[in-house]
Amino acid sequence: MARMKTEVHATDEHLLTLLGARLARLRLARNMTQQQLAEQAGLGLRTVQRLELGAAATQLSGFVRVCRVLGLVERFDALVPESAASPMAQLESQGRKRQRASSRQPAPGEPKKWTWGEPA
């Protein structure tokens, strides 16, 4: 089986076509018809066909359902890995979960900008 080499400059259509071909090969390796896969995933036959063709108009939820039936969900960590905090960030947070992104912090010696509600 040819390995998919993810290239930064590959078009979305090309990547979807490669992913669809992989799904088709995995389905065939499990000796399943497109109809069987569609029924087990709770999708229409046409949706499975479009996923395997790499059609861009398919929904991500359909892709997840097909991956679940084919036993690929546990591999999603490889697709979108959890971000690892730096050792310093881990020490600073000490058990606190990050709730939101923060704005740019002023450089040392840079004056702090005044905001409403603060004394002048």
C-alpha atoms as a PDB file:
ATOM      1  CA  MET A   1       0.000   0.000   0.000  1.00  0.00           C
ATOM      2  CA  ALA A   2       1.413   3.398  -0.968  1.00  0.00           C
ATOM      3  CA  ARG A   3       2.019   5.760   1.895  1.00  0.00           C
ATOM      4  CA  MET A   4       0.364   9.156   1.707  1.00  0.00           C
ATOM      5  CA  LYS A   5       3.018  11.800   1.914  1.00  0.00           C
ATOM      6  CA  THR A   6       1.392  14.955   3.222  1.00  0.00           C
ATOM      7  CA  GLU A   7       2.843  17.839   1.336  1.00  0.00           C
ATOM      8  CA  VAL A   8       2.410  21.407   2.484  1.00  0.00           C
ATOM      9  CA  HIS A   9       1.732  22.600  -1.042  1.00  0.00           C
ATOM     10  CA  ALA A  10      -0.760  19.869  -1.994  1.00  0.00           C
ATOM     11  CA  THR A  11      -4.212  21.155  -2.859  1.00  0.00           C
ATOM     12  CA  ASP A  12      -7.188  20.409  -0.635  1.00  0.00           C
ATOM     13  CA  GLU A  13      -8.709  18.376  -3.444  1.00  0.00           C
ATOM     14  CA  HIS A  14      -5.583  16.253  -3.769  1.00  0.00           C
ATOM     15  CA  LEU A  15      -5.452  15.548  -0.026  1.00  0.00           C
ATOM     16  CA  LEU A  16      -9.168  14.657   0.047  1.00  0.00           C
ATOM     17  CA  THR A  17      -8.667  12.298  -2.896  1.00  0.00           C
ATOM     18  CA  LEU A  18      -5.793  10.565  -1.097  1.00  0.00           C
ATOM     19  CA  LEU A  19      -7.820  10.230   2.129  1.00  0.00           C
ATOM     20  CA  GLY A  20     -10.816   8.902   0.209  1.00  0.00           C
ATOM     21  CA  ALA A  21      -8.673   6.292  -1.530  1.00  0.00           C
ATOM     22  CA  ARG A  22      -7.334   5.167   1.853  1.00  0.00           C
ATOM     23  CA  LEU A  23     -10.858   4.818   3.218  1.00  0.00           C
ATOM     24  CA  ALA A  24     -11.835   2.747   0.189  1.00  0.00           C
ATOM     25  CA  ARG A  25      -8.806   0.457   0.617  1.00  0.00           C
ATOM     26  CA  LEU A  26      -9.563  -0.035   4.324  1.00  0.00           C
ATOM     27  CA  ARG A  27     -13.205  -0.795   3.574  1.00  0.00           C
ATOM     28  CA  LEU A  28     -12.201  -3.368   0.962  1.00  0.00           C
ATOM     29  CA  ALA A  29      -9.609  -4.887   3.319  1.00  0.00           C
ATOM     30  CA  ARG A  30     -12.504  -5.484   5.737  1.00  0.00           C
ATOM     31  CA  ASN A  31     -14.494  -7.035   2.881  1.00  0.00           C
ATOM     32  CA  MET A  32     -17.299  -4.486   3.202  1.00  0.00           C
ATOM     33  CA  THR A  33     -19.439  -3.020   0.461  1.00  0.00           C
ATOM     34  CA  GLN A  34     -20.084   0.694   0.334  1.00  0.00           C
ATOM     35  CA  GLN A  35     -23.720  -0.078   1.207  1.00  0.00           C
ATOM     36  CA  GLN A  36     -22.697  -2.046   4.319  1.00  0.00           C
ATOM     37  CA  LEU A  37     -20.400   0.740   5.444  1.00  0.00           C
ATOM     38  CA  ALA A  38     -23.113   3.335   4.866  1.00  0.00           C
ATOM     39  CA  GLU A  39     -25.657   1.349   6.889  1.00  0.00           C
ATOM     40  CA  GLN A  40     -23.279   0.742   9.807  1.00  0.00           C
ATOM     41  CA  ALA A  41     -22.219   4.402   9.844  1.00  0.00           C
ATOM     42  CA  GLY A  42     -25.814   5.649   9.564  1.00  0.00           C
ATOM     43  CA  LEU A  43     -25.088   7.435   6.308  1.00  0.00           C
ATOM     44  CA  GLY A  44     -26.453   7.346   2.805  1.00  0.00           C
ATOM     45  CA  LEU A  45     -24.693   5.317   0.137  1.00  0.00           C
ATOM     46  CA  ARG A  46     -23.986   8.474  -1.859  1.00  0.00           C
ATOM     47  CA  THR A  47     -22.209  10.048   1.156  1.00  0.00           C
ATOM     48  CA  VAL A  48     -19.842   7.080   1.417  1.00  0.00           C
ATOM     49  CA  GLN A  49     -19.240   7.199  -2.324  1.00  0.00           C
ATOM     50  CA  ARG A  50     -18.435  10.916  -2.149  1.00  0.00           C
ATOM     51  CA  LEU A  51     -16.071  10.401   0.803  1.00  0.00           C
ATOM     52  CA  GLU A  52     -14.170   7.718  -1.085  1.00  0.00           C
ATOM     53  CA  LEU A  53     -13.964   9.955  -4.150  1.00  0.00           C
ATOM     54  CA  GLY A  54     -12.635  12.835  -2.058  1.00  0.00           C
ATOM     55  CA  ALA A  55     -15.575  15.079  -2.863  1.00  0.00           C
ATOM     56  CA  ALA A  56     -15.165  18.374  -1.030  1.00  0.00           C
ATOM     57  CA  ALA A  57     -18.869  18.805  -0.247  1.00  0.00           C
ATOM     58  CA  THR A  58     -19.013  15.948   2.271  1.00  0.00           C
ATOM     59  CA  GLN A  59     -19.490  16.716   5.950  1.00  0.00           C
ATOM     60  CA  LEU A  60     -16.835  16.070   8.538  1.00  0.00           C
ATOM     61  CA  SER A  61     -19.356  14.208  10.709  1.00  0.00           C
ATOM     62  CA  GLY A  62     -19.801  11.650   7.924  1.00  0.00           C
ATOM     63  CA  PHE A  63     -16.037  11.198   7.760  1.00  0.00           C
ATOM     64  CA  VAL A  64     -15.933  10.592  11.527  1.00  0.00           C
ATOM     65  CA  ARG A  65     -18.755   8.039  11.313  1.00  0.00           C
ATOM     66  CA  VAL A  66     -16.991   6.116   8.552  1.00  0.00           C
ATOM     67  CA  CYS A  67     -13.728   6.198  10.512  1.00  0.00           C
ATOM     68  CA  ARG A  68     -15.557   4.878  13.581  1.00  0.00           C
ATOM     69  CA  VAL A  69     -16.920   1.881  11.659  1.00  0.00           C
ATOM     70  CA  LEU A  70     -13.505   1.188  10.137  1.00  0.00           C
ATOM     71  CA  GLY A  71     -11.839   1.377  13.578  1.00  0.00           C
ATOM     72  CA  LEU A  72      -9.791   4.483  12.858  1.00  0.00           C
ATOM     73  CA  VAL A  73     -10.958   6.835  15.621  1.00  0.00           C
ATOM     74  CA  GLU A  74      -8.075   5.878  17.912  1.00  0.00           C
ATOM     75  CA  ARG A  75      -5.702   7.167  15.221  1.00  0.00           C
ATOM     76  CA  PHE A  76      -7.132  10.703  15.346  1.00  0.00           C
ATOM     77  CA  ASP A  77      -4.474  11.622  17.918  1.00  0.00           C
ATOM     78  CA  ALA A  78      -1.878  11.166  15.202  1.00  0.00           C
ATOM     79  CA  LEU A  79      -3.909  13.399  12.873  1.00  0.00           C
ATOM     80  CA  VAL A  80      -4.351  16.249  15.355  1.00  0.00           C
ATOM     81  CA  PRO A  81      -2.010  15.657  18.291  1.00  0.00           C
ATOM     82  CA  GLU A  82      -2.581  17.238  21.680  1.00  0.00           C
ATOM     83  CA  SER A  83      -0.403  20.304  22.063  1.00  0.00           C
ATOM     84  CA  ALA A  84       2.352  19.817  24.590  1.00  0.00           C
ATOM     85  CA  ALA A  85       2.943  22.665  26.994  1.00  0.00           C
ATOM     86  CA  SER A  86       6.501  23.715  27.611  1.00  0.00           C
ATOM     87  CA  PRO A  87       8.003  22.732  30.979  1.00  0.00           C
ATOM     88  CA  MET A  88       7.860  26.377  32.081  1.00  0.00           C
ATOM     89  CA  ALA A  89       4.196  26.672  31.128  1.00  0.00           C
ATOM     90  CA  GLN A  90       3.453  23.473  33.052  1.00  0.00           C
ATOM     91  CA  LEU A  91       5.129  24.903  36.163  1.00  0.00           C
ATOM     92  CA  GLU A  92       3.308  28.217  35.810  1.00  0.00           C
ATOM     93  CA  SER A  93      -0.111  26.660  35.400  1.00  0.00           C
ATOM     94  CA  GLN A  94       0.315  24.168  38.294  1.00  0.00           C
ATOM     95  CA  GLY A  95      -2.945  22.404  37.610  1.00  0.00           C
ATOM     96  CA  ARG A  96      -4.873  25.361  36.174  1.00  0.00           C
ATOM     97  CA  LYS A  97      -6.425  24.691  32.774  1.00  0.00           C
ATOM     98  CA  ARG A  98      -6.041  27.419  30.232  1.00  0.00           C
ATOM     99  CA  GLN A  99      -9.427  29.067  29.674  1.00  0.00           C
ATOM    100  CA  ARG A 100      -8.662  31.455  26.823  1.00  0.00           C
ATOM    101  CA  ALA A 101      -5.907  33.039  24.781  1.00  0.00           C
ATOM    102  CA  SER A 102      -4.207  36.073  26.244  1.00  0.00           C
ATOM    103  CA  SER A 103      -3.173  39.277  24.571  1.00  0.00           C
ATOM    104  CA  ARG A 104       0.402  40.241  23.973  1.00  0.00           C
ATOM    105  CA  GLN A 105       2.307  40.869  27.195  1.00  0.00           C
ATOM    106  CA  PRO A 106       4.310  44.109  27.410  1.00  0.00           C
ATOM    107  CA  ALA A 107       8.070  43.742  27.209  1.00  0.00           C
ATOM    108  CA  PRO A 108      10.059  44.465  30.382  1.00  0.00           C
ATOM    109  CA  GLY A 109      10.358  48.222  30.775  1.00  0.00           C
ATOM    110  CA  GLU A 110       7.514  48.913  28.323  1.00  0.00           C
ATOM    111  CA  PRO A 111       4.856  51.175  29.872  1.00  0.00           C
ATOM    112  CA  LYS A 112       1.489  49.535  30.569  1.00  0.00           C
ATOM    113  CA  LYS A 113      -1.391  50.871  28.487  1.00  0.00           C
ATOM    114  CA  TRP A 114      -4.109  52.691  30.382  1.00  0.00           C
ATOM    115  CA  THR A 115      -7.591  51.119  30.340  1.00  0.00           C
ATOM    116  CA  TRP A 116     -10.992  52.421  31.477  1.00  0.00           C
ATOM    117  CA  GLY A 117     -11.550  52.181  35.202  1.00  0.00           C
ATOM    118  CA  GLU A 118      -7.887  52.601  36.106  1.00  0.00           C
ATOM    119  CA  PRO A 119      -6.540  55.775  37.765  1.00  0.00           C
ATOM    120  CA  ALA A 120      -4.596  57.957  35.363  1.00  0.00           C
END
